Amino acid sequence: MASTRSLHWATAMKAIQADRAKRPAGLLAAQGFIAATSAKRRPLVVGGAYDKAAIMSAAITAAKVHQGRTGSTWGEALSVTLKATWALAKAARAARTH
C-alpha cells in the first residue's frame, strides 16, 4: 500500500521565501561607512582592476566599527563588511567602464 503526501502550496511558497538569502544585519550601514571613509582614502578600483589590498583594508576597518555597533563575532562582522566592500568595488568598476 503506497502512502500519499499532501502538499499545501501556500505553506511551500512561504518556506521557499523564508529560505531565500536575507540581507545581513548592518550591510547598508557598512556600505555607508566604507563609502564615507575608507574608499575615499584609497580607491578600490585602480586602472579597471580591483585593488584587493585596499578592499581588505577597508573591510577590516569597517568590521571593527560594525563589531562595536552590533556586538557580533569577528567572522560575522568581517563577512558583512567584505560583502559591502565588494559591492562598492563592483559598482565603482562598472561606473568607470561606462
PDB file of N, CA and C in Angstrom:
ATOM      1  N   MET A   1       0.845  -1.159   0.000  1.00  0.00           N
ATOM      2  CA  MET A   1       0.000   0.000   0.000  1.00  0.00           C
ATOM      3  C   MET A   1       0.905   1.241   0.000  1.00  0.00           C
ATOM      4  N   ALA A   2       0.715   2.069  -0.962  1.00  0.00           N
ATOM      5  CA  ALA A   2       1.530   3.269  -1.110  1.00  0.00           C
ATOM      6  C   ALA A   2       0.933   4.400  -0.276  1.00  0.00           C
ATOM      7  N   SER A   3       1.804   5.138   0.358  1.00  0.00           N
ATOM      8  CA  SER A   3       1.322   6.281   1.120  1.00  0.00           C
ATOM      9  C   SER A   3       1.365   7.524   0.220  1.00  0.00           C
ATOM     10  N   THR A   4       0.495   8.431   0.455  1.00  0.00           N
ATOM     11  CA  THR A   4       0.457   9.666  -0.327  1.00  0.00           C
ATOM     12  C   THR A   4       0.719  10.842   0.598  1.00  0.00           C
ATOM     13  N   ARG A   5       1.357  11.823   0.020  1.00  0.00           N
ATOM     14  CA  ARG A   5       1.624  13.042   0.774  1.00  0.00           C
ATOM     15  C   ARG A   5       0.796  14.166   0.184  1.00  0.00           C
ATOM     16  N   SER A   6       0.284  14.971   1.045  1.00  0.00           N
ATOM     17  CA  SER A   6      -0.450  16.132   0.554  1.00  0.00           C
ATOM     18  C   SER A   6       0.493  17.339   0.586  1.00  0.00           C
ATOM     19  N   LEU A   7       0.312  18.218  -0.359  1.00  0.00           N
ATOM     20  CA  LEU A   7       1.171  19.390  -0.482  1.00  0.00           C
ATOM     21  C   LEU A   7       0.299  20.629  -0.422  1.00  0.00           C
ATOM     22  N   HIS A   8       0.620  21.491   0.482  1.00  0.00           N
ATOM     23  CA  HIS A   8      -0.089  22.759   0.597  1.00  0.00           C
ATOM     24  C   HIS A   8       0.811  23.827  -0.034  1.00  0.00           C
ATOM     25  N   TRP A   9       0.386  24.358  -1.168  1.00  0.00           N
ATOM     26  CA  TRP A   9       1.214  25.284  -1.927  1.00  0.00           C
ATOM     27  C   TRP A   9       1.513  26.561  -1.158  1.00  0.00           C
ATOM     28  N   ALA A  10       0.580  27.062  -0.423  1.00  0.00           N
ATOM     29  CA  ALA A  10       0.822  28.295   0.330  1.00  0.00           C
ATOM     30  C   ALA A  10       1.925  28.079   1.363  1.00  0.00           C
ATOM     31  N   THR A  11       1.889  26.954   2.048  1.00  0.00           N
ATOM     32  CA  THR A  11       2.925  26.642   3.036  1.00  0.00           C
ATOM     33  C   THR A  11       4.273  26.433   2.363  1.00  0.00           C
ATOM     34  N   ALA A  12       4.265  25.756   1.221  1.00  0.00           N
ATOM     35  CA  ALA A  12       5.513  25.513   0.494  1.00  0.00           C
ATOM     36  C   ALA A  12       6.128  26.814   0.005  1.00  0.00           C
ATOM     37  N   MET A  13       5.326  27.729  -0.509  1.00  0.00           N
ATOM     38  CA  MET A  13       5.842  29.002  -1.009  1.00  0.00           C
ATOM     39  C   MET A  13       6.396  29.856   0.131  1.00  0.00           C
ATOM     40  N   LYS A  14       5.749  29.829   1.287  1.00  0.00           N
ATOM     41  CA  LYS A  14       6.262  30.572   2.435  1.00  0.00           C
ATOM     42  C   LYS A  14       7.605  30.003   2.890  1.00  0.00           C
ATOM     43  N   ALA A  15       7.748  28.693   2.826  1.00  0.00           N
ATOM     44  CA  ALA A  15       9.012  28.063   3.196  1.00  0.00           C
ATOM     45  C   ALA A  15      10.118  28.421   2.209  1.00  0.00           C
ATOM     46  N   ILE A  16       9.780  28.483   0.936  1.00  0.00           N
ATOM     47  CA  ILE A  16      10.771  28.877  -0.077  1.00  0.00           C
ATOM     48  C   ILE A  16      11.214  30.312   0.147  1.00  0.00           C
ATOM     49  N   GLN A  17      10.274  31.208   0.418  1.00  0.00           N
ATOM     50  CA  GLN A  17      10.621  32.603   0.671  1.00  0.00           C
ATOM     51  C   GLN A  17      11.471  32.753   1.930  1.00  0.00           C
ATOM     52  N   ALA A  18      11.204  31.959   2.941  1.00  0.00           N
ATOM     53  CA  ALA A  18      11.973  32.027   4.180  1.00  0.00           C
ATOM     54  C   ALA A  18      13.406  31.533   3.977  1.00  0.00           C
ATOM     55  N   ASP A  19      13.601  30.615   3.018  1.00  0.00           N
ATOM     56  CA  ASP A  19      14.931  30.068   2.757  1.00  0.00           C
ATOM     57  C   ASP A  19      15.807  30.988   1.918  1.00  0.00           C
ATOM     58  N   ARG A  20      15.212  31.963   1.248  1.00  0.00           N
ATOM     59  CA  ARG A  20      15.998  32.873   0.413  1.00  0.00           C
ATOM     60  C   ARG A  20      16.957  33.672   1.279  1.00  0.00           C
ATOM     61  N   ALA A  21      18.054  34.036   0.670  1.00  0.00           N
ATOM     62  CA  ALA A  21      19.076  34.790   1.404  1.00  0.00           C
ATOM     63  C   ALA A  21      18.528  36.154   1.803  1.00  0.00           C
ATOM     64  N   LYS A  22      18.728  36.471   3.036  1.00  0.00           N
ATOM     65  CA  LYS A  22      18.302  37.765   3.543  1.00  0.00           C
ATOM     66  C   LYS A  22      19.526  38.667   3.659  1.00  0.00           C
ATOM     67  N   ARG A  23      19.298  39.951   3.588  1.00  0.00           N
ATOM     68  CA  ARG A  23      20.379  40.922   3.724  1.00  0.00           C
ATOM     69  C   ARG A  23      20.906  40.860   5.153  1.00  0.00           C
ATOM     70  N   PRO A  24      22.215  40.679   5.312  1.00  0.00           N
ATOM     71  CA  PRO A  24      22.776  40.616   6.661  1.00  0.00           C
ATOM     72  C   PRO A  24      22.543  41.920   7.428  1.00  0.00           C
ATOM     73  N   ALA A  25      22.391  41.805   8.717  1.00  0.00           N
ATOM     74  CA  ALA A  25      22.181  42.979   9.550  1.00  0.00           C
ATOM     75  C   ALA A  25      23.384  43.905   9.466  1.00  0.00           C
ATOM     76  N   GLY A  26      23.133  45.161   9.191  1.00  0.00           N
ATOM     77  CA  GLY A  26      24.198  46.156   9.153  1.00  0.00           C
ATOM     78  C   GLY A  26      24.884  46.296   7.804  1.00  0.00           C
ATOM     79  N   LEU A  27      24.408  45.621   6.769  1.00  0.00           N
ATOM     80  CA  LEU A  27      25.055  45.692   5.461  1.00  0.00           C
ATOM     81  C   LEU A  27      25.016  47.108   4.891  1.00  0.00           C
ATOM     82  N   LEU A  28      23.866  47.743   4.944  1.00  0.00           N
ATOM     83  CA  LEU A  28      23.750  49.093   4.404  1.00  0.00           C
ATOM     84  C   LEU A  28      24.550  50.097   5.218  1.00  0.00           C
ATOM     85  N   ALA A  29      24.577  49.919   6.525  1.00  0.00           N
ATOM     86  CA  ALA A  29      25.376  50.803   7.370  1.00  0.00           C
ATOM     87  C   ALA A  29      26.859  50.641   7.068  1.00  0.00           C
ATOM     88  N   ALA A  30      27.275  49.393   6.836  1.00  0.00           N
ATOM     89  CA  ALA A  30      28.680  49.143   6.499  1.00  0.00           C
ATOM     90  C   ALA A  30      29.038  49.765   5.162  1.00  0.00           C
ATOM     91  N   GLN A  31      28.140  49.671   4.182  1.00  0.00           N
ATOM     92  CA  GLN A  31      28.403  50.290   2.884  1.00  0.00           C
ATOM     93  C   GLN A  31      28.534  51.800   3.026  1.00  0.00           C
ATOM     94  N   GLY A  32      27.672  52.395   3.811  1.00  0.00           N
ATOM     95  CA  GLY A  32      27.744  53.839   4.036  1.00  0.00           C
ATOM     96  C   GLY A  32      29.030  54.242   4.718  1.00  0.00           C
ATOM     97  N   PHE A  33      29.442  53.461   5.713  1.00  0.00           N
ATOM     98  CA  PHE A  33      30.680  53.767   6.422  1.00  0.00           C
ATOM     99  C   PHE A  33      31.890  53.648   5.498  1.00  0.00           C
ATOM    100  N   ILE A  34      31.934  52.591   4.706  1.00  0.00           N
ATOM    101  CA  ILE A  34      33.063  52.373   3.803  1.00  0.00           C
ATOM    102  C   ILE A  34      33.106  53.461   2.733  1.00  0.00           C
ATOM    103  N   ALA A  35      31.951  53.802   2.182  1.00  0.00           N
ATOM    104  CA  ALA A  35      31.898  54.844   1.159  1.00  0.00           C
ATOM    105  C   ALA A  35      32.327  56.197   1.719  1.00  0.00           C
ATOM    106  N   ALA A  36      32.005  56.447   2.978  1.00  0.00           N
ATOM    107  CA  ALA A  36      32.334  57.735   3.577  1.00  0.00           C
ATOM    108  C   ALA A  36      33.779  57.840   4.040  1.00  0.00           C
ATOM    109  N   THR A  37      34.418  56.724   4.337  1.00  0.00           N
ATOM    110  CA  THR A  37      35.762  56.804   4.904  1.00  0.00           C
ATOM    111  C   THR A  37      36.818  56.099   4.063  1.00  0.00           C
ATOM    112  N   SER A  38      36.876  54.810   4.162  1.00  0.00           N
ATOM    113  CA  SER A  38      37.979  54.034   3.604  1.00  0.00           C
ATOM    114  C   SER A  38      38.099  54.143   2.093  1.00  0.00           C
ATOM    115  N   ALA A  39      37.000  54.039   1.393  1.00  0.00           N
ATOM    116  CA  ALA A  39      37.050  54.034  -0.069  1.00  0.00           C
ATOM    117  C   ALA A  39      37.509  55.371  -0.625  1.00  0.00           C
ATOM    118  N   LYS A  40      37.331  56.437   0.124  1.00  0.00           N
ATOM    119  CA  LYS A  40      37.778  57.751  -0.350  1.00  0.00           C
ATOM    120  C   LYS A  40      39.273  57.944  -0.154  1.00  0.00           C
ATOM    121  N   ARG A  41      39.834  57.321   0.868  1.00  0.00           N
ATOM    122  CA  ARG A  41      41.267  57.439   1.114  1.00  0.00           C
ATOM    123  C   ARG A  41      42.085  56.651   0.103  1.00  0.00           C
ATOM    124  N   ARG A  42      41.625  55.471  -0.216  1.00  0.00           N
ATOM    125  CA  ARG A  42      42.347  54.574  -1.124  1.00  0.00           C
ATOM    126  C   ARG A  42      41.331  53.949  -2.070  1.00  0.00           C
ATOM    127  N   PRO A  43      41.435  54.211  -3.362  1.00  0.00           N
ATOM    128  CA  PRO A  43      40.421  53.704  -4.294  1.00  0.00           C
ATOM    129  C   PRO A  43      40.392  52.174  -4.330  1.00  0.00           C
ATOM    130  N   LEU A  44      39.194  51.636  -4.480  1.00  0.00           N
ATOM    131  CA  LEU A  44      39.007  50.188  -4.517  1.00  0.00           C
ATOM    132  C   LEU A  44      39.290  49.611  -5.897  1.00  0.00           C
ATOM    133  N   VAL A  45      39.215  50.472  -6.913  1.00  0.00           N
ATOM    134  CA  VAL A  45      39.487  50.060  -8.291  1.00  0.00           C
ATOM    135  C   VAL A  45      40.561  50.972  -8.858  1.00  0.00           C
ATOM    136  N   VAL A  46      41.638  50.360  -9.350  1.00  0.00           N
ATOM    137  CA  VAL A  46      42.743  51.120  -9.933  1.00  0.00           C
ATOM    138  C   VAL A  46      42.990  50.599 -11.343  1.00  0.00           C
ATOM    139  N   GLY A  47      42.858  51.473 -12.316  1.00  0.00           N
ATOM    140  CA  GLY A  47      43.107  51.080 -13.698  1.00  0.00           C
ATOM    141  C   GLY A  47      42.187  49.993 -14.200  1.00  0.00           C
ATOM    142  N   GLY A  48      40.957  49.971 -13.740  1.00  0.00           N
ATOM    143  CA  GLY A  48      39.997  48.964 -14.173  1.00  0.00           C
ATOM    144  C   GLY A  48      40.130  47.624 -13.473  1.00  0.00           C
ATOM    145  N   ALA A  49      41.075  47.498 -12.544  1.00  0.00           N
ATOM    146  CA  ALA A  49      41.273  46.246 -11.803  1.00  0.00           C
ATOM    147  C   ALA A  49      41.005  46.500 -10.323  1.00  0.00           C
ATOM    148  N   TYR A  50      40.520  45.475  -9.646  1.00  0.00           N
ATOM    149  CA  TYR A  50      40.254  45.594  -8.214  1.00  0.00           C
ATOM    150  C   TYR A  50      41.565  45.654  -7.447  1.00  0.00           C
ATOM    151  N   ASP A  51      41.662  46.584  -6.504  1.00  0.00           N
ATOM    152  CA  ASP A  51      42.801  46.652  -5.590  1.00  0.00           C
ATOM    153  C   ASP A  51      42.410  45.843  -4.353  1.00  0.00           C
ATOM    154  N   LYS A  52      42.810  44.581  -4.341  1.00  0.00           N
ATOM    155  CA  LYS A  52      42.377  43.664  -3.280  1.00  0.00           C
ATOM    156  C   LYS A  52      42.899  44.072  -1.910  1.00  0.00           C
ATOM    157  N   ALA A  53      44.093  44.656  -1.868  1.00  0.00           N
ATOM    158  CA  ALA A  53      44.628  45.116  -0.590  1.00  0.00           C
ATOM    159  C   ALA A  53      43.783  46.267  -0.040  1.00  0.00           C
ATOM    160  N   ALA A  54      43.358  47.176  -0.905  1.00  0.00           N
ATOM    161  CA  ALA A  54      42.510  48.288  -0.465  1.00  0.00           C
ATOM    162  C   ALA A  54      41.139  47.783  -0.024  1.00  0.00           C
ATOM    163  N   ILE A  55      40.617  46.787  -0.733  1.00  0.00           N
ATOM    164  CA  ILE A  55      39.314  46.215  -0.379  1.00  0.00           C
ATOM    165  C   ILE A  55      39.387  45.552   0.989  1.00  0.00           C
ATOM    166  N   MET A  56      40.431  44.791   1.221  1.00  0.00           N
ATOM    167  CA  MET A  56      40.575  44.102   2.514  1.00  0.00           C
ATOM    168  C   MET A  56      40.796  45.100   3.641  1.00  0.00           C
ATOM    169  N   SER A  57      41.606  46.115   3.380  1.00  0.00           N
ATOM    170  CA  SER A  57      41.863  47.136   4.392  1.00  0.00           C
ATOM    171  C   SER A  57      40.579  47.871   4.770  1.00  0.00           C
ATOM    172  N   ALA A  58      39.794  48.235   3.769  1.00  0.00           N
ATOM    173  CA  ALA A  58      38.529  48.928   4.029  1.00  0.00           C
ATOM    174  C   ALA A  58      37.562  48.028   4.793  1.00  0.00           C
ATOM    175  N   ALA A  59      37.532  46.744   4.438  1.00  0.00           N
ATOM    176  CA  ALA A  59      36.629  45.811   5.111  1.00  0.00           C
ATOM    177  C   ALA A  59      37.031  45.604   6.567  1.00  0.00           C
ATOM    178  N   ILE A  60      38.318  45.505   6.826  1.00  0.00           N
ATOM    179  CA  ILE A  60      38.773  45.305   8.213  1.00  0.00           C
ATOM    180  C   ILE A  60      38.450  46.521   9.069  1.00  0.00           C
ATOM    181  N   THR A  61      38.695  47.711   8.524  1.00  0.00           N
ATOM    182  CA  THR A  61      38.389  48.935   9.263  1.00  0.00           C
ATOM    183  C   THR A  61      36.893  49.010   9.579  1.00  0.00           C
ATOM    184  N   ALA A  62      36.080  48.714   8.585  1.00  0.00           N
ATOM    185  CA  ALA A  62      34.633  48.757   8.788  1.00  0.00           C
ATOM    186  C   ALA A  62      34.159  47.638   9.715  1.00  0.00           C
ATOM    187  N   ALA A  63      34.825  46.486   9.680  1.00  0.00           N
ATOM    188  CA  ALA A  63      34.433  45.368  10.540  1.00  0.00           C
ATOM    189  C   ALA A  63      34.636  45.708  12.013  1.00  0.00           C
ATOM    190  N   LYS A  64      35.685  46.434  12.308  1.00  0.00           N
ATOM    191  CA  LYS A  64      35.919  46.849  13.710  1.00  0.00           C
ATOM    192  C   LYS A  64      34.780  47.735  14.204  1.00  0.00           C
ATOM    193  N   VAL A  65      34.358  48.669  13.355  1.00  0.00           N
ATOM    194  CA  VAL A  65      33.241  49.549  13.728  1.00  0.00           C
ATOM    195  C   VAL A  65      31.942  48.754  13.815  1.00  0.00           C
ATOM    196  N   HIS A  66      31.721  47.882  12.841  1.00  0.00           N
ATOM    197  CA  HIS A  66      30.496  47.066  12.807  1.00  0.00           C
ATOM    198  C   HIS A  66      30.404  46.168  14.037  1.00  0.00           C
ATOM    199  N   GLN A  67      31.523  45.569  14.410  1.00  0.00           N
ATOM    200  CA  GLN A  67      31.536  44.690  15.574  1.00  0.00           C
ATOM    201  C   GLN A  67      31.223  45.472  16.842  1.00  0.00           C
ATOM    202  N   GLY A  68      31.747  46.678  16.943  1.00  0.00           N
ATOM    203  CA  GLY A  68      31.450  47.518  18.100  1.00  0.00           C
ATOM    204  C   GLY A  68      29.994  47.930  18.170  1.00  0.00           C
ATOM    205  N   ARG A  69      29.390  48.181  17.017  1.00  0.00           N
ATOM    206  CA  ARG A  69      27.983  48.605  16.975  1.00  0.00           C
ATOM    207  C   ARG A  69      27.026  47.468  17.284  1.00  0.00           C
ATOM    208  N   THR A  70      27.279  46.295  16.681  1.00  0.00           N
ATOM    209  CA  THR A  70      26.309  45.203  16.781  1.00  0.00           C
ATOM    210  C   THR A  70      26.662  44.154  17.821  1.00  0.00           C
ATOM    211  N   GLY A  71      27.924  44.091  18.237  1.00  0.00           N
ATOM    212  CA  GLY A  71      28.335  43.062  19.188  1.00  0.00           C
ATOM    213  C   GLY A  71      28.446  41.687  18.556  1.00  0.00           C
ATOM    214  N   SER A  72      28.558  41.654  17.245  1.00  0.00           N
ATOM    215  CA  SER A  72      28.661  40.370  16.544  1.00  0.00           C
ATOM    216  C   SER A  72      30.084  39.818  16.652  1.00  0.00           C
ATOM    217  N   THR A  73      30.249  38.576  16.226  1.00  0.00           N
ATOM    218  CA  THR A  73      31.580  37.976  16.239  1.00  0.00           C
ATOM    219  C   THR A  73      32.418  38.595  15.125  1.00  0.00           C
ATOM    220  N   TRP A  74      33.738  38.379  15.218  1.00  0.00           N
ATOM    221  CA  TRP A  74      34.641  38.935  14.215  1.00  0.00           C
ATOM    222  C   TRP A  74      34.337  38.347  12.827  1.00  0.00           C
ATOM    223  N   GLY A  75      34.056  37.081  12.760  1.00  0.00           N
ATOM    224  CA  GLY A  75      33.754  36.444  11.481  1.00  0.00           C
ATOM    225  C   GLY A  75      32.502  37.011  10.833  1.00  0.00           C
ATOM    226  N   GLU A  76      31.469  37.223  11.626  1.00  0.00           N
ATOM    227  CA  GLU A  76      30.224  37.790  11.100  1.00  0.00           C
ATOM    228  C   GLU A  76      30.442  39.225  10.631  1.00  0.00           C
ATOM    229  N   ALA A  77      31.165  39.998  11.435  1.00  0.00           N
ATOM    230  CA  ALA A  77      31.417  41.398  11.087  1.00  0.00           C
ATOM    231  C   ALA A  77      32.246  41.496   9.807  1.00  0.00           C
ATOM    232  N   LEU A  78      33.279  40.684   9.700  1.00  0.00           N
ATOM    233  CA  LEU A  78      34.118  40.722   8.504  1.00  0.00           C
ATOM    234  C   LEU A  78      33.341  40.245   7.284  1.00  0.00           C
ATOM    235  N   SER A  79      32.488  39.257   7.453  1.00  0.00           N
ATOM    236  CA  SER A  79      31.672  38.768   6.343  1.00  0.00           C
ATOM    237  C   SER A  79      30.765  39.862   5.807  1.00  0.00           C
ATOM    238  N   VAL A  80      30.091  40.565   6.688  1.00  0.00           N
ATOM    239  CA  VAL A  80      29.179  41.633   6.282  1.00  0.00           C
ATOM    240  C   VAL A  80      29.942  42.751   5.588  1.00  0.00           C
ATOM    241  N   THR A  81      31.062  43.156   6.160  1.00  0.00           N
ATOM    242  CA  THR A  81      31.792  44.286   5.587  1.00  0.00           C
ATOM    243  C   THR A  81      32.505  43.912   4.288  1.00  0.00           C
ATOM    244  N   LEU A  82      32.938  42.671   4.147  1.00  0.00           N
ATOM    245  CA  LEU A  82      33.520  42.252   2.870  1.00  0.00           C
ATOM    246  C   LEU A  82      32.465  42.263   1.766  1.00  0.00           C
ATOM    247  N   LYS A  83      31.266  41.801   2.076  1.00  0.00           N
ATOM    248  CA  LYS A  83      30.179  41.849   1.092  1.00  0.00           C
ATOM    249  C   LYS A  83      29.895  43.292   0.694  1.00  0.00           C
ATOM    250  N   ALA A  84      29.855  44.176   1.677  1.00  0.00           N
ATOM    251  CA  ALA A  84      29.587  45.588   1.402  1.00  0.00           C
ATOM    252  C   ALA A  84      30.717  46.208   0.581  1.00  0.00           C
ATOM    253  N   THR A  85      31.954  45.894   0.929  1.00  0.00           N
ATOM    254  CA  THR A  85      33.093  46.473   0.221  1.00  0.00           C
ATOM    255  C   THR A  85      33.161  45.990  -1.216  1.00  0.00           C
ATOM    256  N   TRP A  86      32.937  44.699  -1.426  1.00  0.00           N
ATOM    257  CA  TRP A  86      32.959  44.169  -2.791  1.00  0.00           C
ATOM    258  C   TRP A  86      31.820  44.759  -3.618  1.00  0.00           C
ATOM    259  N   ALA A  87      30.672  44.971  -3.018  1.00  0.00           N
ATOM    260  CA  ALA A  87      29.560  45.592  -3.746  1.00  0.00           C
ATOM    261  C   ALA A  87      29.935  47.001  -4.192  1.00  0.00           C
ATOM    262  N   LEU A  88      30.589  47.753  -3.309  1.00  0.00           N
ATOM    263  CA  LEU A  88      31.039  49.104  -3.672  1.00  0.00           C
ATOM    264  C   LEU A  88      32.110  49.061  -4.749  1.00  0.00           C
ATOM    265  N   ALA A  89      33.029  48.114  -4.643  1.00  0.00           N
ATOM    266  CA  ALA A  89      34.096  47.993  -5.650  1.00  0.00           C
ATOM    267  C   ALA A  89      33.517  47.639  -7.011  1.00  0.00           C
ATOM    268  N   LYS A  90      32.561  46.717  -7.036  1.00  0.00           N
ATOM    269  CA  LYS A  90      31.941  46.336  -8.306  1.00  0.00           C
ATOM    270  C   LYS A  90      31.183  47.509  -8.914  1.00  0.00           C
ATOM    271  N   ALA A  91      30.513  48.285  -8.083  1.00  0.00           N
ATOM    272  CA  ALA A  91      29.793  49.456  -8.574  1.00  0.00           C
ATOM    273  C   ALA A  91      30.755  50.503  -9.110  1.00  0.00           C
ATOM    274  N   ALA A  92      31.887  50.684  -8.420  1.00  0.00           N
ATOM    275  CA  ALA A  92      32.890  51.652  -8.880  1.00  0.00           C
ATOM    276  C   ALA A  92      33.508  51.223 -10.201  1.00  0.00           C
ATOM    277  N   ARG A  93      33.754  49.943 -10.334  1.00  0.00           N
ATOM    278  CA  ARG A  93      34.338  49.428 -11.589  1.00  0.00           C
ATOM    279  C   ARG A  93      33.337  49.580 -12.735  1.00  0.00           C
ATOM    280  N   ALA A  94      32.095  49.264 -12.471  1.00  0.00           N
ATOM    281  CA  ALA A  94      31.059  49.414 -13.511  1.00  0.00           C
ATOM    282  C   ALA A  94      30.881  50.870 -13.918  1.00  0.00           C
ATOM    283  N   ALA A  95      30.970  51.774 -12.942  1.00  0.00           N
ATOM    284  CA  ALA A  95      30.819  53.195 -13.248  1.00  0.00           C
ATOM    285  C   ALA A  95      31.974  53.710 -14.089  1.00  0.00           C
ATOM    286  N   ARG A  96      33.163  53.185 -13.889  1.00  0.00           N
ATOM    287  CA  ARG A  96      34.331  53.648 -14.653  1.00  0.00           C
ATOM    288  C   ARG A  96      34.349  53.105 -16.064  1.00  0.00           C
ATOM    289  N   THR A  97      33.755  51.939 -16.270  1.00  0.00           N
ATOM    290  CA  THR A  97      33.769  51.361 -17.610  1.00  0.00           C
ATOM    291  C   THR A  97      32.686  51.950 -18.500  1.00  0.00           C
ATOM    292  N   HIS A  98      31.652  52.571 -17.895  1.00  0.00           N
ATOM    293  CA  HIS A  98      30.569  53.148 -18.697  1.00  0.00           C
ATOM    294  C   HIS A  98      30.716  54.621 -18.820  1.00  0.00           C
TER     295      HIS A  98
END
